[in-house]
N, C-alpha and C. Protein backbone atom coordinates (compact mmCIF):
# COMPACT_ATOMS: atom_id res chain seq x y z
N MET A 1 0.85 -1.18 0.00
CA MET A 1 0.00 0.00 0.00
C MET A 1 0.90 1.24 0.00
N THR A 2 0.61 2.16 -0.92
CA THR A 2 1.39 3.40 -0.98
C THR A 2 1.03 4.31 0.18
N THR A 3 1.85 5.33 0.38
CA THR A 3 1.58 6.29 1.45
C THR A 3 0.26 7.01 1.21
N ALA A 4 0.01 7.40 -0.03
CA ALA A 4 -1.25 8.10 -0.35
C ALA A 4 -2.45 7.20 -0.07
N GLU A 5 -2.35 5.92 -0.40
CA GLU A 5 -3.45 4.99 -0.13
C GLU A 5 -3.65 4.81 1.37
N PHE A 6 -2.55 4.76 2.12
CA PHE A 6 -2.64 4.63 3.57
C PHE A 6 -3.31 5.86 4.19
N VAL A 7 -2.92 7.04 3.73
CA VAL A 7 -3.53 8.28 4.23
C VAL A 7 -5.01 8.32 3.86
N ALA A 8 -5.36 7.87 2.67
CA ALA A 8 -6.77 7.82 2.26
C ALA A 8 -7.56 6.87 3.17
N ARG A 9 -6.94 5.75 3.50
CA ARG A 9 -7.59 4.80 4.43
C ARG A 9 -7.82 5.45 5.80
N LEU A 10 -6.82 6.21 6.27
CA LEU A 10 -6.97 6.90 7.55
C LEU A 10 -8.09 7.93 7.48
N ARG A 11 -8.18 8.64 6.38
CA ARG A 11 -9.24 9.65 6.23
C ARG A 11 -10.61 9.01 6.23
N GLN A 12 -10.73 7.80 5.68
CA GLN A 12 -12.01 7.09 5.71
C GLN A 12 -12.42 6.78 7.14
N LEU A 13 -11.42 6.59 8.00
CA LEU A 13 -11.69 6.33 9.42
C LEU A 13 -11.81 7.62 10.22
N ASP A 14 -11.78 8.77 9.52
CA ASP A 14 -11.85 10.10 10.12
C ASP A 14 -10.63 10.39 11.01
N ILE A 15 -9.49 9.84 10.63
CA ILE A 15 -8.23 10.08 11.33
C ILE A 15 -7.47 11.13 10.54
N LYS A 16 -7.12 12.22 11.20
CA LYS A 16 -6.41 13.31 10.55
C LYS A 16 -4.98 13.36 11.06
N LEU A 17 -4.05 13.54 10.15
CA LEU A 17 -2.63 13.61 10.49
C LEU A 17 -2.13 15.03 10.34
N SER A 18 -1.19 15.41 11.18
CA SER A 18 -0.51 16.69 11.05
C SER A 18 0.90 16.53 11.59
N ILE A 19 1.76 17.46 11.22
CA ILE A 19 3.12 17.48 11.74
C ILE A 19 3.45 18.88 12.21
N ASP A 20 4.32 18.97 13.19
CA ASP A 20 4.75 20.29 13.62
C ASP A 20 6.12 20.57 13.04
N ASP A 21 6.72 21.69 13.41
CA ASP A 21 8.02 22.08 12.85
C ASP A 21 9.13 21.09 13.18
N GLY A 22 8.99 20.33 14.26
CA GLY A 22 10.01 19.38 14.64
C GLY A 22 9.79 17.98 14.09
N ASP A 23 8.98 17.83 13.06
CA ASP A 23 8.66 16.54 12.45
C ASP A 23 7.96 15.58 13.40
N ARG A 24 7.24 16.12 14.34
CA ARG A 24 6.45 15.29 15.25
C ARG A 24 5.11 15.01 14.59
N LEU A 25 4.78 13.73 14.44
CA LEU A 25 3.54 13.33 13.80
C LEU A 25 2.42 13.35 14.83
N ARG A 26 1.33 14.00 14.50
CA ARG A 26 0.19 14.08 15.39
C ARG A 26 -1.03 13.46 14.71
N CYS A 27 -1.88 12.84 15.52
CA CYS A 27 -3.10 12.22 15.01
C CYS A 27 -4.30 12.77 15.76
N SER A 28 -5.34 13.03 15.01
CA SER A 28 -6.63 13.39 15.59
C SER A 28 -7.60 12.33 15.12
N ALA A 29 -8.13 11.56 16.07
CA ALA A 29 -8.97 10.42 15.68
C ALA A 29 -10.15 10.26 16.61
N PRO A 30 -11.27 9.78 16.08
CA PRO A 30 -12.41 9.48 16.94
C PRO A 30 -12.04 8.37 17.93
N LYS A 31 -12.69 8.39 19.06
CA LYS A 31 -12.41 7.41 20.10
C LYS A 31 -12.62 5.99 19.55
N GLY A 32 -11.63 5.14 19.80
CA GLY A 32 -11.71 3.74 19.41
C GLY A 32 -11.25 3.42 17.99
N SER A 33 -10.94 4.44 17.19
CA SER A 33 -10.55 4.17 15.81
C SER A 33 -9.07 3.81 15.67
N LEU A 34 -8.25 4.22 16.63
CA LEU A 34 -6.83 3.88 16.57
C LEU A 34 -6.58 2.58 17.32
N THR A 35 -6.58 1.49 16.59
CA THR A 35 -6.32 0.19 17.19
C THR A 35 -4.81 0.05 17.43
N ALA A 36 -4.42 -0.96 18.18
CA ALA A 36 -3.01 -1.21 18.45
C ALA A 36 -2.25 -1.48 17.15
N ALA A 37 -2.86 -2.24 16.25
CA ALA A 37 -2.22 -2.54 14.97
C ALA A 37 -2.03 -1.28 14.13
N LEU A 38 -3.03 -0.40 14.16
CA LEU A 38 -2.94 0.83 13.39
C LEU A 38 -1.88 1.76 13.99
N ARG A 39 -1.80 1.81 15.33
CA ARG A 39 -0.76 2.61 15.99
C ARG A 39 0.63 2.11 15.61
N ASP A 40 0.80 0.79 15.57
CA ASP A 40 2.09 0.21 15.19
C ASP A 40 2.44 0.56 13.75
N GLU A 41 1.44 0.51 12.88
CA GLU A 41 1.68 0.85 11.48
C GLU A 41 2.03 2.32 11.31
N LEU A 42 1.35 3.18 12.07
CA LEU A 42 1.68 4.61 12.04
C LEU A 42 3.11 4.85 12.50
N ALA A 43 3.52 4.18 13.57
CA ALA A 43 4.88 4.33 14.08
C ALA A 43 5.91 3.85 13.07
N ALA A 44 5.62 2.71 12.43
CA ALA A 44 6.55 2.15 11.45
C ALA A 44 6.66 3.03 10.20
N ARG A 45 5.57 3.69 9.84
CA ARG A 45 5.54 4.48 8.61
C ARG A 45 5.75 5.97 8.86
N LYS A 46 6.11 6.35 10.08
CA LYS A 46 6.24 7.76 10.44
C LYS A 46 7.13 8.54 9.47
N PRO A 47 8.35 8.08 9.16
CA PRO A 47 9.20 8.88 8.26
C PRO A 47 8.55 9.16 6.90
N GLU A 48 7.93 8.13 6.31
CA GLU A 48 7.31 8.34 5.00
C GLU A 48 6.06 9.22 5.11
N LEU A 49 5.32 9.12 6.22
CA LEU A 49 4.13 9.96 6.40
C LEU A 49 4.53 11.43 6.57
N VAL A 50 5.58 11.68 7.35
CA VAL A 50 6.06 13.05 7.54
C VAL A 50 6.51 13.62 6.20
N ALA A 51 7.29 12.86 5.44
CA ALA A 51 7.75 13.32 4.13
C ALA A 51 6.57 13.58 3.19
N TRP A 52 5.58 12.68 3.21
CA TRP A 52 4.41 12.84 2.34
C TRP A 52 3.62 14.09 2.71
N LEU A 53 3.40 14.29 4.02
CA LEU A 53 2.66 15.48 4.46
C LEU A 53 3.39 16.75 4.08
N ARG A 54 4.69 16.79 4.28
CA ARG A 54 5.48 17.97 3.90
C ARG A 54 5.41 18.22 2.40
N THR A 55 5.57 17.18 1.60
CA THR A 55 5.55 17.32 0.15
C THR A 55 4.20 17.79 -0.36
N THR A 56 3.14 17.15 0.10
CA THR A 56 1.82 17.53 -0.40
C THR A 56 1.41 18.91 0.08
N SER A 57 1.74 19.25 1.32
CA SER A 57 1.35 20.56 1.82
C SER A 57 2.16 21.67 1.17
N GLU A 58 3.44 21.42 0.90
CA GLU A 58 4.25 22.44 0.24
C GLU A 58 3.79 22.63 -1.20
N ALA A 59 3.38 21.55 -1.84
CA ALA A 59 2.88 21.66 -3.21
C ALA A 59 1.59 22.47 -3.25
N LYS A 60 0.76 22.32 -2.22
CA LYS A 60 -0.50 23.05 -2.15
C LYS A 60 -0.32 24.39 -1.45
N GLY A 61 0.82 24.62 -0.82
CA GLY A 61 1.05 25.86 -0.09
C GLY A 61 0.27 25.92 1.21
N ILE A 62 0.10 24.79 1.89
CA ILE A 62 -0.72 24.74 3.09
C ILE A 62 0.16 24.62 4.33
N VAL A 63 0.42 25.73 4.97
CA VAL A 63 1.12 25.73 6.25
C VAL A 63 0.38 26.74 7.12
N ARG A 64 -0.19 26.28 8.20
CA ARG A 64 -0.99 27.14 9.08
C ARG A 64 -0.43 27.08 10.49
N ASN A 65 -0.10 28.23 11.05
CA ASN A 65 0.37 28.34 12.43
C ASN A 65 1.51 27.38 12.75
N GLY A 66 2.42 27.21 11.80
CA GLY A 66 3.55 26.33 12.03
C GLY A 66 3.23 24.86 11.85
N LEU A 67 1.97 24.51 11.57
CA LEU A 67 1.58 23.11 11.37
C LEU A 67 1.36 22.85 9.90
N VAL A 68 1.83 21.72 9.45
CA VAL A 68 1.59 21.27 8.09
C VAL A 68 0.56 20.17 8.18
N THR A 69 -0.59 20.37 7.58
CA THR A 69 -1.67 19.40 7.75
C THR A 69 -1.94 18.55 6.54
N GLY A 70 -1.53 18.99 5.38
CA GLY A 70 -1.84 18.24 4.18
C GLY A 70 -3.27 18.41 3.73
N GLU A 71 -4.02 19.26 4.39
CA GLU A 71 -5.40 19.52 4.02
C GLU A 71 -5.58 21.01 3.86
N ASP A 72 -6.37 21.40 2.89
CA ASP A 72 -6.64 22.81 2.66
C ASP A 72 -7.72 23.28 3.61
N THR A 73 -7.30 24.08 4.60
CA THR A 73 -8.25 24.61 5.58
C THR A 73 -8.41 26.11 5.40
N SER A 74 -8.16 26.61 4.19
CA SER A 74 -8.14 28.05 3.97
C SER A 74 -9.51 28.66 3.70
N GLN A 75 -10.57 27.87 3.75
CA GLN A 75 -11.90 28.44 3.51
C GLN A 75 -12.25 29.40 4.63
N GLU A 76 -12.75 30.54 4.23
CA GLU A 76 -13.18 31.53 5.20
C GLU A 76 -14.54 31.12 5.75
N PRO A 77 -14.82 31.44 7.00
CA PRO A 77 -16.14 31.12 7.54
C PRO A 77 -17.22 31.96 6.84
N LEU A 78 -18.42 31.44 6.85
CA LEU A 78 -19.54 32.18 6.24
C LEU A 78 -19.89 33.39 7.08
N SER A 79 -20.35 34.44 6.40
CA SER A 79 -20.86 35.60 7.13
C SER A 79 -22.23 35.24 7.70
N PHE A 80 -22.74 36.08 8.58
CA PHE A 80 -24.06 35.81 9.15
C PHE A 80 -25.12 35.76 8.06
N ALA A 81 -25.04 36.67 7.09
CA ALA A 81 -26.02 36.70 6.01
C ALA A 81 -25.93 35.42 5.15
N GLN A 82 -24.71 34.96 4.88
CA GLN A 82 -24.56 33.73 4.11
C GLN A 82 -25.10 32.53 4.88
N GLU A 83 -24.83 32.48 6.17
CA GLU A 83 -25.37 31.39 7.00
C GLU A 83 -26.89 31.39 6.97
N ARG A 84 -27.47 32.58 7.07
CA ARG A 84 -28.93 32.71 7.07
C ARG A 84 -29.51 32.22 5.74
N LEU A 85 -28.90 32.60 4.62
CA LEU A 85 -29.38 32.14 3.31
C LEU A 85 -29.24 30.63 3.17
N TRP A 86 -28.12 30.10 3.65
CA TRP A 86 -27.93 28.64 3.60
C TRP A 86 -29.01 27.94 4.42
N PHE A 87 -29.27 28.44 5.61
CA PHE A 87 -30.27 27.85 6.50
C PHE A 87 -31.66 27.89 5.86
N ILE A 88 -32.04 29.02 5.29
CA ILE A 88 -33.35 29.15 4.64
C ILE A 88 -33.45 28.21 3.44
N ASP A 89 -32.34 28.07 2.70
CA ASP A 89 -32.34 27.18 1.53
C ASP A 89 -32.53 25.72 1.93
N ARG A 90 -32.18 25.35 3.14
CA ARG A 90 -32.41 23.98 3.61
C ARG A 90 -33.91 23.70 3.75
N PHE A 91 -34.69 24.72 4.08
CA PHE A 91 -36.13 24.55 4.25
C PHE A 91 -36.91 24.80 2.96
N GLN A 92 -36.42 25.69 2.12
CA GLN A 92 -37.06 26.00 0.84
C GLN A 92 -36.02 25.95 -0.27
N PRO A 93 -35.61 24.77 -0.69
CA PRO A 93 -34.56 24.67 -1.72
C PRO A 93 -34.96 25.42 -3.00
N GLY A 94 -34.02 26.24 -3.47
CA GLY A 94 -34.24 26.98 -4.71
C GLY A 94 -35.18 28.14 -4.60
N GLY A 95 -35.57 28.52 -3.40
CA GLY A 95 -36.51 29.60 -3.21
C GLY A 95 -35.98 30.98 -3.57
N PHE A 96 -34.67 31.09 -3.75
CA PHE A 96 -34.07 32.38 -4.05
C PHE A 96 -33.77 32.56 -5.53
N ALA A 97 -34.03 31.53 -6.34
CA ALA A 97 -33.69 31.60 -7.77
C ALA A 97 -34.71 32.37 -8.56
C-alpha cells in the first residue's frame, strides 16, 4: 500500500494527520478508531508519512500556524447573512432563484 493509499484509508476512518516544525507526527482520531495494529503501522511508517505530508502541503502551499496538515483549511467562515441564506435554503430549496 502506498503512502497516499494509507492516508486515504486513515481519512475514511476520520483520522487526521498533522506534523509540527520538529517533524512530530500528530493524530486526531475518533475514540476507538486507533487500534493497536494501526498505531504500530503509524509508528513504522512515520518517516514516510512526515515526508508525504510535507511534500503535499508544500505543493499546495498549506502551512498554518507552524503546522503542516496536508489539508486545505483556507476556507473563510460564512458571514451571518450567508449562513442565514444557507439555512433558509435547507427549508425551501431553490426559493431564491
